[in-house]
Amino acid sequence: MLIAIVDDDESVRVSLLDLLEVSGYSVETFASAPEFLNSPRITDMRCLLLDISMPGMSGVDLYRELTRQAIRIPVVFMTGHAEETLVREARRAGSCLFKPFAGGELRAAIEKAVGTERGQGPG
């Protein structure tokens, strides 16, 4: 299963990459929303780990753009600090984890997002 991590913080990208690869996932990382949108493998992604607060195009803005383009990828939003309206919108679109979070919490959120996308329902 290929997972994309979009976060402007390099240390977060590296930590999540290491954690997910050890857990058996294939991972690609992106430093910005535009970088992700320009990826030739965008439609290969099975789950998107997406930081809400990024300079330029936010994670919520990226989600809206994917929806506009009819690209459906299960999303797990992540935030260390975001305004409440963005967090509410993120929760409507998928799950939202607050940094720092535990590895088990992340893996559970990914499995829930992918299971829901497959029509299996949450949990």
PDB file of N, CA and C in Angstrom:
ATOM      1  N   MET A   1       0.846  -1.174   0.000  1.00  0.00           N
ATOM      2  CA  MET A   1       0.000   0.000   0.000  1.00  0.00           C
ATOM      3  C   MET A   1       0.894   1.239   0.000  1.00  0.00           C
ATOM      4  N   LEU A   2       0.685   2.137  -0.949  1.00  0.00           N
ATOM      5  CA  LEU A   2       1.486   3.349  -1.068  1.00  0.00           C
ATOM      6  C   LEU A   2       0.809   4.503  -0.329  1.00  0.00           C
ATOM      7  N   ILE A   3       1.548   5.123   0.572  1.00  0.00           N
ATOM      8  CA  ILE A   3       1.042   6.225   1.383  1.00  0.00           C
ATOM      9  C   ILE A   3       1.847   7.475   1.069  1.00  0.00           C
ATOM     10  N   ALA A   4       1.146   8.597   0.932  1.00  0.00           N
ATOM     11  CA  ALA A   4       1.804   9.882   0.724  1.00  0.00           C
ATOM     12  C   ALA A   4       1.776  10.677   2.019  1.00  0.00           C
ATOM     13  N   ILE A   5       2.902  11.311   2.323  1.00  0.00           N
ATOM     14  CA  ILE A   5       2.994  12.226   3.457  1.00  0.00           C
ATOM     15  C   ILE A   5       3.244  13.617   2.888  1.00  0.00           C
ATOM     16  N   VAL A   6       2.352  14.560   3.194  1.00  0.00           N
ATOM     17  CA  VAL A   6       2.532  15.944   2.756  1.00  0.00           C
ATOM     18  C   VAL A   6       2.614  16.801   4.011  1.00  0.00           C
ATOM     19  N   ASP A   7       3.823  17.300   4.285  1.00  0.00           N
ATOM     20  CA  ASP A   7       4.061  18.116   5.473  1.00  0.00           C
ATOM     21  C   ASP A   7       5.258  19.014   5.184  1.00  0.00           C
ATOM     22  N   ASP A   8       5.168  20.290   5.534  1.00  0.00           N
ATOM     23  CA  ASP A   8       6.261  21.214   5.269  1.00  0.00           C
ATOM     24  C   ASP A   8       7.427  21.044   6.242  1.00  0.00           C
ATOM     25  N   ASP A   9       7.227  20.296   7.316  1.00  0.00           N
ATOM     26  CA  ASP A   9       8.269  20.077   8.319  1.00  0.00           C
ATOM     27  C   ASP A   9       9.049  18.802   7.970  1.00  0.00           C
ATOM     28  N   GLU A  10      10.315  18.983   7.586  1.00  0.00           N
ATOM     29  CA  GLU A  10      11.127  17.842   7.167  1.00  0.00           C
ATOM     30  C   GLU A  10      11.268  16.786   8.258  1.00  0.00           C
ATOM     31  N   SER A  11      11.413  17.215   9.521  1.00  0.00           N
ATOM     32  CA  SER A  11      11.580  16.240  10.601  1.00  0.00           C
ATOM     33  C   SER A  11      10.331  15.372  10.759  1.00  0.00           C
ATOM     34  N   VAL A  12       9.162  15.943  10.542  1.00  0.00           N
ATOM     35  CA  VAL A  12       7.917  15.166  10.602  1.00  0.00           C
ATOM     36  C   VAL A  12       7.883  14.170   9.449  1.00  0.00           C
ATOM     37  N   ARG A  13       8.232  14.627   8.249  1.00  0.00           N
ATOM     38  CA  ARG A  13       8.231  13.721   7.088  1.00  0.00           C
ATOM     39  C   ARG A  13       9.169  12.541   7.304  1.00  0.00           C
ATOM     40  N   VAL A  14      10.378  12.806   7.796  1.00  0.00           N
ATOM     41  CA  VAL A  14      11.362  11.740   8.008  1.00  0.00           C
ATOM     42  C   VAL A  14      10.892  10.777   9.091  1.00  0.00           C
ATOM     43  N   SER A  15      10.382  11.299  10.189  1.00  0.00           N
ATOM     44  CA  SER A  15       9.907  10.443  11.290  1.00  0.00           C
ATOM     45  C   SER A  15       8.766   9.542  10.832  1.00  0.00           C
ATOM     46  N   LEU A  16       7.801  10.125  10.131  1.00  0.00           N
ATOM     47  CA  LEU A  16       6.659   9.337   9.667  1.00  0.00           C
ATOM     48  C   LEU A  16       7.082   8.322   8.612  1.00  0.00           C
ATOM     49  N   LEU A  17       7.978   8.710   7.732  1.00  0.00           N
ATOM     50  CA  LEU A  17       8.498   7.791   6.719  1.00  0.00           C
ATOM     51  C   LEU A  17       9.117   6.576   7.388  1.00  0.00           C
ATOM     52  N   ASP A  18      10.006   6.808   8.370  1.00  0.00           N
ATOM     53  CA  ASP A  18      10.659   5.700   9.072  1.00  0.00           C
ATOM     54  C   ASP A  18       9.637   4.809   9.777  1.00  0.00           C
ATOM     55  N   LEU A  19       8.706   5.417  10.489  1.00  0.00           N
ATOM     56  CA  LEU A  19       7.694   4.665  11.226  1.00  0.00           C
ATOM     57  C   LEU A  19       6.851   3.800  10.290  1.00  0.00           C
ATOM     58  N   LEU A  20       6.421   4.377   9.189  1.00  0.00           N
ATOM     59  CA  LEU A  20       5.532   3.638   8.288  1.00  0.00           C
ATOM     60  C   LEU A  20       6.269   2.566   7.496  1.00  0.00           C
ATOM     61  N   GLU A  21       7.514   2.839   7.105  1.00  0.00           N
ATOM     62  CA  GLU A  21       8.273   1.804   6.395  1.00  0.00           C
ATOM     63  C   GLU A  21       8.550   0.607   7.294  1.00  0.00           C
ATOM     64  N   VAL A  22       8.858   0.849   8.567  1.00  0.00           N
ATOM     65  CA  VAL A  22       9.062  -0.242   9.523  1.00  0.00           C
ATOM     66  C   VAL A  22       7.767  -1.049   9.688  1.00  0.00           C
ATOM     67  N   SER A  23       6.630  -0.377   9.521  1.00  0.00           N
ATOM     68  CA  SER A  23       5.327  -1.043   9.643  1.00  0.00           C
ATOM     69  C   SER A  23       4.912  -1.742   8.354  1.00  0.00           C
ATOM     70  N   GLY A  24       5.750  -1.677   7.318  1.00  0.00           N
ATOM     71  CA  GLY A  24       5.479  -2.410   6.088  1.00  0.00           C
ATOM     72  C   GLY A  24       4.821  -1.620   4.973  1.00  0.00           C
ATOM     73  N   TYR A  25       4.677  -0.324   5.135  1.00  0.00           N
ATOM     74  CA  TYR A  25       4.061   0.505   4.101  1.00  0.00           C
ATOM     75  C   TYR A  25       5.120   1.039   3.134  1.00  0.00           C
ATOM     76  N   SER A  26       4.719   1.262   1.899  1.00  0.00           N
ATOM     77  CA  SER A  26       5.530   2.016   0.947  1.00  0.00           C
ATOM     78  C   SER A  26       5.123   3.470   1.089  1.00  0.00           C
ATOM     79  N   VAL A  27       6.098   4.374   1.101  1.00  0.00           N
ATOM     80  CA  VAL A  27       5.815   5.768   1.424  1.00  0.00           C
ATOM     81  C   VAL A  27       6.539   6.703   0.461  1.00  0.00           C
ATOM     82  N   GLU A  28       5.858   7.767   0.077  1.00  0.00           N
ATOM     83  CA  GLU A  28       6.485   8.880  -0.631  1.00  0.00           C
ATOM     84  C   GLU A  28       6.186  10.137   0.159  1.00  0.00           C
ATOM     85  N   THR A  29       7.178  11.037   0.239  1.00  0.00           N
ATOM     86  CA  THR A  29       6.987  12.265   1.002  1.00  0.00           C
ATOM     87  C   THR A  29       7.035  13.479   0.082  1.00  0.00           C
ATOM     88  N   PHE A  30       6.316  14.525   0.509  1.00  0.00           N
ATOM     89  CA  PHE A  30       6.225  15.762  -0.246  1.00  0.00           C
ATOM     90  C   PHE A  30       6.282  16.928   0.731  1.00  0.00           C
ATOM     91  N   ALA A  31       7.036  17.965   0.370  1.00  0.00           N
ATOM     92  CA  ALA A  31       7.224  19.117   1.249  1.00  0.00           C
ATOM     93  C   ALA A  31       6.130  20.162   1.106  1.00  0.00           C
ATOM     94  N   SER A  32       5.268  20.015   0.088  1.00  0.00           N
ATOM     95  CA  SER A  32       4.207  21.011  -0.122  1.00  0.00           C
ATOM     96  C   SER A  32       3.056  20.396  -0.905  1.00  0.00           C
ATOM     97  N   ALA A  33       1.921  21.074  -0.844  1.00  0.00           N
ATOM     98  CA  ALA A  33       0.748  20.633  -1.599  1.00  0.00           C
ATOM     99  C   ALA A  33       1.010  20.671  -3.108  1.00  0.00           C
ATOM    100  N   PRO A  34       1.602  21.763  -3.645  1.00  0.00           N
ATOM    101  CA  PRO A  34       1.882  21.771  -5.084  1.00  0.00           C
ATOM    102  C   PRO A  34       2.821  20.645  -5.522  1.00  0.00           C
ATOM    103  N   GLU A  35       3.803  20.309  -4.682  1.00  0.00           N
ATOM    104  CA  GLU A  35       4.703  19.200  -5.007  1.00  0.00           C
ATOM    105  C   GLU A  35       3.910  17.900  -5.132  1.00  0.00           C
ATOM    106  N   PHE A  36       2.977  17.673  -4.217  1.00  0.00           N
ATOM    107  CA  PHE A  36       2.139  16.472  -4.282  1.00  0.00           C
ATOM    108  C   PHE A  36       1.270  16.488  -5.539  1.00  0.00           C
ATOM    109  N   LEU A  37       0.654  17.628  -5.835  1.00  0.00           N
ATOM    110  CA  LEU A  37      -0.221  17.724  -7.009  1.00  0.00           C
ATOM    111  C   LEU A  37       0.524  17.450  -8.312  1.00  0.00           C
ATOM    112  N   ASN A  38       1.826  17.719  -8.334  1.00  0.00           N
ATOM    113  CA  ASN A  38       2.629  17.490  -9.531  1.00  0.00           C
ATOM    114  C   ASN A  38       3.229  16.089  -9.607  1.00  0.00           C
ATOM    115  N   SER A  39       2.933  15.248  -8.626  1.00  0.00           N
ATOM    116  CA  SER A  39       3.483  13.896  -8.612  1.00  0.00           C
ATOM    117  C   SER A  39       2.837  13.049  -9.710  1.00  0.00           C
ATOM    118  N   PRO A  40       3.654  12.321 -10.472  1.00  0.00           N
ATOM    119  CA  PRO A  40       3.084  11.429 -11.487  1.00  0.00           C
ATOM    120  C   PRO A  40       2.390  10.206 -10.881  1.00  0.00           C
ATOM    121  N   ARG A  41       2.605   9.966  -9.581  1.00  0.00           N
ATOM    122  CA  ARG A  41       2.022   8.785  -8.924  1.00  0.00           C
ATOM    123  C   ARG A  41       0.808   9.129  -8.065  1.00  0.00           C
ATOM    124  N   ILE A  42       0.262  10.317  -8.226  1.00  0.00           N
ATOM    125  CA  ILE A  42      -0.821  10.781  -7.356  1.00  0.00           C
ATOM    126  C   ILE A  42      -1.986   9.789  -7.309  1.00  0.00           C
ATOM    127  N   THR A  43      -2.317   9.184  -8.426  1.00  0.00           N
ATOM    128  CA  THR A  43      -3.451   8.252  -8.441  1.00  0.00           C
ATOM    129  C   THR A  43      -3.090   6.873  -7.900  1.00  0.00           C
ATOM    130  N   ASP A  44      -1.799   6.632  -7.629  1.00  0.00           N
ATOM    131  CA  ASP A  44      -1.376   5.355  -7.038  1.00  0.00           C
ATOM    132  C   ASP A  44      -1.487   5.361  -5.517  1.00  0.00           C
ATOM    133  N   MET A  45      -1.689   6.537  -4.941  1.00  0.00           N
ATOM    134  CA  MET A  45      -1.702   6.669  -3.483  1.00  0.00           C
ATOM    135  C   MET A  45      -2.967   6.032  -2.906  1.00  0.00           C
ATOM    136  N   ARG A  46      -2.784   5.243  -1.852  1.00  0.00           N
ATOM    137  CA  ARG A  46      -3.925   4.591  -1.185  1.00  0.00           C
ATOM    138  C   ARG A  46      -4.382   5.358   0.035  1.00  0.00           C
ATOM    139  N   CYS A  47      -3.501   6.247   0.550  1.00  0.00           N
ATOM    140  CA  CYS A  47      -3.849   7.065   1.708  1.00  0.00           C
ATOM    141  C   CYS A  47      -2.934   8.291   1.700  1.00  0.00           C
ATOM    142  N   LEU A  48      -3.479   9.403   2.165  1.00  0.00           N
ATOM    143  CA  LEU A  48      -2.749  10.658   2.198  1.00  0.00           C
ATOM    144  C   LEU A  48      -2.692  11.163   3.630  1.00  0.00           C
ATOM    145  N   LEU A  49      -1.468  11.293   4.171  1.00  0.00           N
ATOM    146  CA  LEU A  49      -1.258  11.903   5.479  1.00  0.00           C
ATOM    147  C   LEU A  49      -0.950  13.363   5.207  1.00  0.00           C
ATOM    148  N   LEU A  50      -1.814  14.237   5.679  1.00  0.00           N
ATOM    149  CA  LEU A  50      -1.806  15.613   5.212  1.00  0.00           C
ATOM    150  C   LEU A  50      -1.801  16.606   6.359  1.00  0.00           C
ATOM    151  N   ASP A  51      -0.740  17.417   6.418  1.00  0.00           N
ATOM    152  CA  ASP A  51      -0.656  18.476   7.414  1.00  0.00           C
ATOM    153  C   ASP A  51      -1.681  19.552   7.063  1.00  0.00           C
ATOM    154  N   ILE A  52      -2.434  19.997   8.044  1.00  0.00           N
ATOM    155  CA  ILE A  52      -3.448  21.029   7.798  1.00  0.00           C
ATOM    156  C   ILE A  52      -2.799  22.381   7.529  1.00  0.00           C
ATOM    157  N   SER A  53      -1.837  22.766   8.361  1.00  0.00           N
ATOM    158  CA  SER A  53      -1.251  24.107   8.289  1.00  0.00           C
ATOM    159  C   SER A  53       0.081  24.086   7.559  1.00  0.00           C
ATOM    160  N   MET A  54       0.069  24.536   6.314  1.00  0.00           N
ATOM    161  CA  MET A  54       1.293  24.660   5.533  1.00  0.00           C
ATOM    162  C   MET A  54       1.281  26.016   4.852  1.00  0.00           C
ATOM    163  N   PRO A  55       2.457  26.577   4.608  1.00  0.00           N
ATOM    164  CA  PRO A  55       2.493  27.859   3.901  1.00  0.00           C
ATOM    165  C   PRO A  55       1.985  27.702   2.465  1.00  0.00           C
ATOM    166  N   GLY A  56       1.400  28.748   1.953  1.00  0.00           N
ATOM    167  CA  GLY A  56       0.859  28.677   0.599  1.00  0.00           C
ATOM    168  C   GLY A  56      -0.451  27.921   0.606  1.00  0.00           C
ATOM    169  N   MET A  57      -0.467  26.761  -0.007  1.00  0.00           N
ATOM    170  CA  MET A  57      -1.677  25.937  -0.083  1.00  0.00           C
ATOM    171  C   MET A  57      -1.761  25.054   1.152  1.00  0.00           C
ATOM    172  N   SER A  58      -2.804  25.237   1.957  1.00  0.00           N
ATOM    173  CA  SER A  58      -2.981  24.444   3.181  1.00  0.00           C
ATOM    174  C   SER A  58      -3.411  23.020   2.827  1.00  0.00           C
ATOM    175  N   GLY A  59      -3.381  22.156   3.829  1.00  0.00           N
ATOM    176  CA  GLY A  59      -3.855  20.796   3.621  1.00  0.00           C
ATOM    177  C   GLY A  59      -5.324  20.741   3.247  1.00  0.00           C
ATOM    178  N   VAL A  60      -6.125  21.594   3.845  1.00  0.00           N
ATOM    179  CA  VAL A  60      -7.555  21.642   3.515  1.00  0.00           C
ATOM    180  C   VAL A  60      -7.731  22.126   2.071  1.00  0.00           C
ATOM    181  N   ASP A  61      -6.928  23.120   1.668  1.00  0.00           N
ATOM    182  CA  ASP A  61      -6.986  23.589   0.279  1.00  0.00           C
ATOM    183  C   ASP A  61      -6.612  22.474  -0.693  1.00  0.00           C
ATOM    184  N   LEU A  62      -5.590  21.689  -0.342  1.00  0.00           N
ATOM    185  CA  LEU A  62      -5.200  20.561  -1.181  1.00  0.00           C
ATOM    186  C   LEU A  62      -6.337  19.555  -1.275  1.00  0.00           C
ATOM    187  N   TYR A  63      -6.969  19.252  -0.160  1.00  0.00           N
ATOM    188  CA  TYR A  63      -8.099  18.319  -0.168  1.00  0.00           C
ATOM    189  C   TYR A  63      -9.216  18.831  -1.088  1.00  0.00           C
ATOM    190  N   ARG A  64      -9.510  20.125  -1.006  1.00  0.00           N
ATOM    191  CA  ARG A  64     -10.543  20.715  -1.872  1.00  0.00           C
ATOM    192  C   ARG A  64     -10.163  20.578  -3.346  1.00  0.00           C
ATOM    193  N   GLU A  65      -8.879  20.791  -3.655  1.00  0.00           N
ATOM    194  CA  GLU A  65      -8.419  20.679  -5.044  1.00  0.00           C
ATOM    195  C   GLU A  65      -8.518  19.238  -5.542  1.00  0.00           C
ATOM    196  N   LEU A  66      -8.158  18.286  -4.711  1.00  0.00           N
ATOM    197  CA  LEU A  66      -8.301  16.880  -5.098  1.00  0.00           C
ATOM    198  C   LEU A  66      -9.765  16.545  -5.362  1.00  0.00           C
ATOM    199  N   THR A  67     -10.645  17.035  -4.510  1.00  0.00           N
ATOM    200  CA  THR A  67     -12.084  16.812  -4.694  1.00  0.00           C
ATOM    201  C   THR A  67     -12.553  17.438  -5.997  1.00  0.00           C
ATOM    202  N   ARG A  68     -12.089  18.663  -6.277  1.00  0.00           N
ATOM    203  CA  ARG A  68     -12.468  19.361  -7.515  1.00  0.00           C
ATOM    204  C   ARG A  68     -12.031  18.563  -8.742  1.00  0.00           C
ATOM    205  N   GLN A  69     -10.854  17.927  -8.647  1.00  0.00           N
ATOM    206  CA  GLN A  69     -10.334  17.140  -9.762  1.00  0.00           C
ATOM    207  C   GLN A  69     -10.871  15.700  -9.773  1.00  0.00           C
ATOM    208  N   ALA A  70     -11.777  15.389  -8.853  1.00  0.00           N
ATOM    209  CA  ALA A  70     -12.368  14.049  -8.727  1.00  0.00           C
ATOM    210  C   ALA A  70     -11.306  12.984  -8.448  1.00  0.00           C
ATOM    211  N   ILE A  71     -10.282  13.365  -7.681  1.00  0.00           N
ATOM    212  CA  ILE A  71      -9.257  12.414  -7.238  1.00  0.00           C
ATOM    213  C   ILE A  71      -9.613  12.017  -5.814  1.00  0.00           C
ATOM    214  N   ARG A  72      -9.970  10.754  -5.642  1.00  0.00           N
ATOM    215  CA  ARG A  72     -10.415  10.272  -4.332  1.00  0.00           C
ATOM    216  C   ARG A  72      -9.308   9.482  -3.663  1.00  0.00           C
ATOM    217  N   ILE A  73      -8.763  10.062  -2.610  1.00  0.00           N
ATOM    218  CA  ILE A  73      -7.738   9.402  -1.809  1.00  0.00           C
ATOM    219  C   ILE A  73      -8.155   9.549  -0.350  1.00  0.00           C
ATOM    220  N   PRO A  74      -8.225   8.463   0.402  1.00  0.00           N
ATOM    221  CA  PRO A  74      -8.528   8.593   1.828  1.00  0.00           C
ATOM    222  C   PRO A  74      -7.483   9.473   2.509  1.00  0.00           C
ATOM    223  N   VAL A  75      -7.951  10.377   3.375  1.00  0.00           N
ATOM    224  CA  VAL A  75      -7.061  11.353   3.996  1.00  0.00           C
ATOM    225  C   VAL A  75      -7.078  11.220   5.509  1.00  0.00           C
ATOM    226  N   VAL A  76      -5.880  11.309   6.089  1.00  0.00           N
ATOM    227  CA  VAL A  76      -5.716  11.470   7.528  1.00  0.00           C
ATOM    228  C   VAL A  76      -5.022  12.821   7.701  1.00  0.00           C
ATOM    229  N   PHE A  77      -5.741  13.785   8.224  1.00  0.00           N
ATOM    230  CA  PHE A  77      -5.168  15.101   8.465  1.00  0.00           C
ATOM    231  C   PHE A  77      -4.342  15.071   9.751  1.00  0.00           C
ATOM    232  N   MET A  78      -3.307  15.918   9.785  1.00  0.00           N
ATOM    233  CA  MET A  78      -2.452  16.030  10.965  1.00  0.00           C
ATOM    234  C   MET A  78      -2.283  17.515  11.274  1.00  0.00           C
ATOM    235  N   THR A  79      -2.232  17.834  12.562  1.00  0.00           N
ATOM    236  CA  THR A  79      -1.994  19.228  12.931  1.00  0.00           C
ATOM    237  C   THR A  79      -1.350  19.327  14.300  1.00  0.00           C
ATOM    238  N   GLY A  80      -0.504  20.311  14.428  1.00  0.00           N
ATOM    239  CA  GLY A  80       0.061  20.645  15.729  1.00  0.00           C
ATOM    240  C   GLY A  80      -0.591  21.907  16.249  1.00  0.00           C
ATOM    241  N   HIS A  81      -1.115  22.674  15.334  1.00  0.00           N
ATOM    242  CA  HIS A  81      -1.758  23.938  15.662  1.00  0.00           C
ATOM    243  C   HIS A  81      -2.515  24.408  14.429  1.00  0.00           C
ATOM    244  N   ALA A  82      -3.786  24.455  14.524  1.00  0.00           N
ATOM    245  CA  ALA A  82      -4.592  24.939  13.404  1.00  0.00           C
ATOM    246  C   ALA A  82      -5.820  25.621  13.957  1.00  0.00           C
ATOM    247  N   GLU A  83      -6.335  26.536  13.166  1.00  0.00           N
ATOM    248  CA  GLU A  83      -7.542  27.201  13.623  1.00  0.00           C
ATOM    249  C   GLU A  83      -8.701  26.210  13.626  1.00  0.00           C
ATOM    250  N   GLU A  84      -9.613  26.424  14.546  1.00  0.00           N
ATOM    251  CA  GLU A  84     -10.691  25.474  14.792  1.00  0.00           C
ATOM    252  C   GLU A  84     -11.551  25.206  13.558  1.00  0.00           C
ATOM    253  N   THR A  85     -11.785  26.207  12.725  1.00  0.00           N
ATOM    254  CA  THR A  85     -12.623  25.992  11.545  1.00  0.00           C
ATOM    255  C   THR A  85     -11.965  25.006  10.576  1.00  0.00           C
ATOM    256  N   LEU A  86     -10.634  25.079  10.432  1.00  0.00           N
ATOM    257  CA  LEU A  86      -9.942  24.125   9.561  1.00  0.00           C
ATOM    258  C   LEU A  86      -9.993  22.721  10.138  1.00  0.00           C
ATOM    259  N   VAL A  87      -9.830  22.594  11.441  1.00  0.00           N
ATOM    260  CA  VAL A  87      -9.900  21.282  12.088  1.00  0.00           C
ATOM    261  C   VAL A  87     -11.289  20.676  11.901  1.00  0.00           C
ATOM    262  N   ARG A  88     -12.332  21.472  12.061  1.00  0.00           N
ATOM    263  CA  ARG A  88     -13.700  20.959  11.860  1.00  0.00           C
ATOM    264  C   ARG A  88     -13.892  20.464  10.430  1.00  0.00           C
ATOM    265  N   GLU A  89     -13.424  21.248   9.466  1.00  0.00           N
ATOM    266  CA  GLU A  89     -13.564  20.838   8.067  1.00  0.00           C
ATOM    267  C   GLU A  89     -12.764  19.569   7.800  1.00  0.00           C
ATOM    268  N   ALA A  90     -11.575  19.480   8.359  1.00  0.00           N
ATOM    269  CA  ALA A  90     -10.746  18.288   8.186  1.00  0.00           C
ATOM    270  C   ALA A  90     -11.438  17.057   8.760  1.00  0.00           C
ATOM    271  N   ARG A  91     -12.046  17.193   9.922  1.00  0.00           N
ATOM    272  CA  ARG A  91     -12.731  16.053  10.538  1.00  0.00           C
ATOM    273  C   ARG A  91     -13.926  15.595   9.707  1.00  0.00           C
ATOM    274  N   ARG A  92     -14.581  16.525   9.022  1.00  0.00           N
ATOM    275  CA  ARG A  92     -15.700  16.133   8.146  1.00  0.00           C
ATOM    276  C   ARG A  92     -15.183  15.332   6.950  1.00  0.00           C
ATOM    277  N   ALA A  93     -13.974  15.650   6.490  1.00  0.00           N
ATOM    278  CA  ALA A  93     -13.409  15.006   5.309  1.00  0.00           C
ATOM    279  C   ALA A  93     -12.700  13.693   5.639  1.00  0.00           C
ATOM    280  N   GLY A  94     -12.249  13.538   6.855  1.00  0.00           N
ATOM    281  CA  GLY A  94     -11.507  12.338   7.241  1.00  0.00           C
ATOM    282  C   GLY A  94     -11.172  12.427   8.712  1.00  0.00           C
ATOM    283  N   SER A  95     -10.176  11.693   9.138  1.00  0.00           N
ATOM    284  CA  SER A  95      -9.791  11.786  10.539  1.00  0.00           C
ATOM    285  C   SER A  95      -8.739  12.876  10.699  1.00  0.00           C
ATOM    286  N   CYS A  96      -8.546  13.309  11.945  1.00  0.00           N
ATOM    287  CA  CYS A  96      -7.586  14.375  12.229  1.00  0.00           C
ATOM    288  C   CYS A  96      -6.816  13.999  13.486  1.00  0.00           C
ATOM    289  N   LEU A  97      -5.497  13.884  13.345  1.00  0.00           N
ATOM    290  CA  LEU A  97      -4.624  13.567  14.464  1.00  0.00           C
ATOM    291  C   LEU A  97      -3.907  14.829  14.917  1.00  0.00           C
ATOM    292  N   PHE A  98      -3.723  14.959  16.220  1.00  0.00           N
ATOM    293  CA  PHE A  98      -3.028  16.111  16.770  1.00  0.00           C
ATOM    294  C   PHE A  98      -1.607  15.710  17.138  1.00  0.00           C
ATOM    295  N   LYS A  99      -0.622  16.417  16.566  1.00  0.00           N
ATOM    296  CA  LYS A  99       0.795  16.157  16.839  1.00  0.00           C
ATOM    297  C   LYS A  99       1.137  16.600  18.246  1.00  0.00           C
ATOM    298  N   PRO A 100       1.952  15.841  18.951  1.00  0.00           N
ATOM    299  CA  PRO A 100       2.504  14.545  18.565  1.00  0.00           C
ATOM    300  C   PRO A 100       1.481  13.437  18.815  1.00  0.00           C
ATOM    301  N   PHE A 101       1.547  12.406  18.016  1.00  0.00           N
ATOM    302  CA  PHE A 101       0.657  11.265  18.195  1.00  0.00           C
ATOM    303  C   PHE A 101       1.488   9.991  18.186  1.00  0.00           C
ATOM    304  N   ALA A 102       0.924   8.933  18.735  1.00  0.00           N
ATOM    305  CA  ALA A 102       1.622   7.646  18.830  1.00  0.00           C
ATOM    306  C   ALA A 102       1.541   6.896  17.505  1.00  0.00           C
ATOM    307  N   GLY A 103       2.531   6.043  17.274  1.00  0.00           N
ATOM    308  CA  GLY A 103       2.551   5.249  16.054  1.00  0.00           C
ATOM    309  C   GLY A 103       1.322   4.384  15.886  1.00  0.00           C
ATOM    310  N   GLY A 104       0.856   3.792  16.974  1.00  0.00           N
ATOM    311  CA  GLY A 104      -0.344   2.962  16.908  1.00  0.00           C
ATOM    312  C   GLY A 104      -1.573   3.764  16.523  1.00  0.00           C
ATOM    313  N   GLU A 105      -1.636   4.977  17.017  1.00  0.00           N
ATOM    314  CA  GLU A 105      -2.750   5.871  16.677  1.00  0.00           C
ATOM    315  C   GLU A 105      -2.741   6.190  15.176  1.00  0.00           C
ATOM    316  N   LEU A 106      -1.551   6.426  14.630  1.00  0.00           N
ATOM    317  CA  LEU A 106      -1.416   6.715  13.204  1.00  0.00           C
ATOM    318  C   LEU A 106      -1.805   5.502  12.361  1.00  0.00           C
ATOM    319  N   ARG A 107      -1.279   4.343  12.717  1.00  0.00           N
ATOM    320  CA  ARG A 107      -1.604   3.132  11.952  1.00  0.00           C
ATOM    321  C   ARG A 107      -3.101   2.846  11.993  1.00  0.00           C
ATOM    322  N   ALA A 108      -3.733   3.032  13.145  1.00  0.00           N
ATOM    323  CA  ALA A 108      -5.181   2.820  13.258  1.00  0.00           C
ATOM    324  C   ALA A 108      -5.949   3.805  12.370  1.00  0.00           C
ATOM    325  N   ALA A 109      -5.510   5.051  12.318  1.00  0.00           N
ATOM    326  CA  ALA A 109      -6.180   6.055  11.487  1.00  0.00           C
ATOM    327  C   ALA A 109      -6.044   5.714  10.001  1.00  0.00           C
ATOM    328  N   ILE A 110      -4.865   5.217   9.607  1.00  0.00           N
ATOM    329  CA  ILE A 110      -4.661   4.822   8.212  1.00  0.00           C
ATOM    330  C   ILE A 110      -5.567   3.649   7.860  1.00  0.00           C
ATOM    331  N   GLU A 111      -5.570   2.632   8.704  1.00  0.00           N
ATOM    332  CA  GLU A 111      -6.403   1.452   8.435  1.00  0.00           C
ATOM    333  C   GLU A 111      -7.888   1.810   8.389  1.00  0.00           C
ATOM    334  N   LYS A 112      -8.307   2.697   9.266  1.00  0.00           N
ATOM    335  CA  LYS A 112      -9.707   3.139   9.260  1.00  0.00           C
ATOM    336  C   LYS A 112     -10.014   3.883   7.964  1.00  0.00           C
ATOM    337  N   ALA A 113      -9.134   4.787   7.548  1.00  0.00           N
ATOM    338  CA  ALA A 113      -9.361   5.565   6.331  1.00  0.00           C
ATOM    339  C   ALA A 113      -9.412   4.650   5.111  1.00  0.00           C
ATOM    340  N   VAL A 114      -8.486   3.721   5.014  1.00  0.00           N
ATOM    341  CA  VAL A 114      -8.450   2.821   3.860  1.00  0.00           C
ATOM    342  C   VAL A 114      -9.618   1.854   3.906  1.00  0.00           C
ATOM    343  N   GLY A 115      -9.959   1.354   5.077  1.00  0.00           N
ATOM    344  CA  GLY A 115     -11.117   0.460   5.207  1.00  0.00           C
ATOM    345  C   GLY A 115     -12.407   1.129   4.828  1.00  0.00           C
ATOM    346  N   THR A 116     -12.563   2.396   5.213  1.00  0.00           N
ATOM    347  CA  THR A 116     -13.767   3.161   4.862  1.00  0.00           C
ATOM    348  C   THR A 116     -13.819   3.360   3.366  1.00  0.00           C
ATOM    349  N   GLU A 117     -12.685   3.648   2.750  1.00  0.00           N
ATOM    350  CA  GLU A 117     -12.630   3.859   1.300  1.00  0.00           C
ATOM    351  C   GLU A 117     -13.012   2.588   0.556  1.00  0.00           C
ATOM    352  N   ARG A 118     -12.644   1.444   1.103  1.00  0.00           N
ATOM    353  CA  ARG A 118     -12.963   0.160   0.468  1.00  0.00           C
ATOM    354  C   ARG A 118     -14.416  -0.245   0.692  1.00  0.00           C
ATOM    355  N   GLY A 119     -15.147   0.572   1.431  1.00  0.00           N
ATOM    356  CA  GLY A 119     -16.552   0.250   1.687  1.00  0.00           C
ATOM    357  C   GLY A 119     -16.742  -0.682   2.855  1.00  0.00           C
ATOM    358  N   GLN A 120     -15.712  -0.859   3.678  1.00  0.00           N
ATOM    359  CA  GLN A 120     -15.807  -1.778   4.798  1.00  0.00           C
ATOM    360  C   GLN A 120     -16.354  -1.102   6.032  1.00  0.00           C
ATOM    361  N   GLY A 121     -16.475   0.215   5.990  1.00  0.00           N
ATOM    362  CA  GLY A 121     -16.961   0.939   7.157  1.00  0.00           C
ATOM    363  C   GLY A 121     -15.838   1.176   8.143  1.00  0.00           C
ATOM    364  N   PRO A 122     -16.050   2.087   9.064  1.00  0.00           N
ATOM    365  CA  PRO A 122     -15.005   2.387  10.042  1.00  0.00           C
ATOM    366  C   PRO A 122     -14.792   1.248  11.017  1.00  0.00           C
ATOM    367  N   GLY A 123     -13.511   1.195  11.489  1.00  0.00           N
ATOM    368  CA  GLY A 123     -13.145   0.316  12.588  1.00  0.00           C
ATOM    369  C   GLY A 123     -13.197  -1.097  12.262  1.00  0.00           C
TER     370      GLY A 123
END
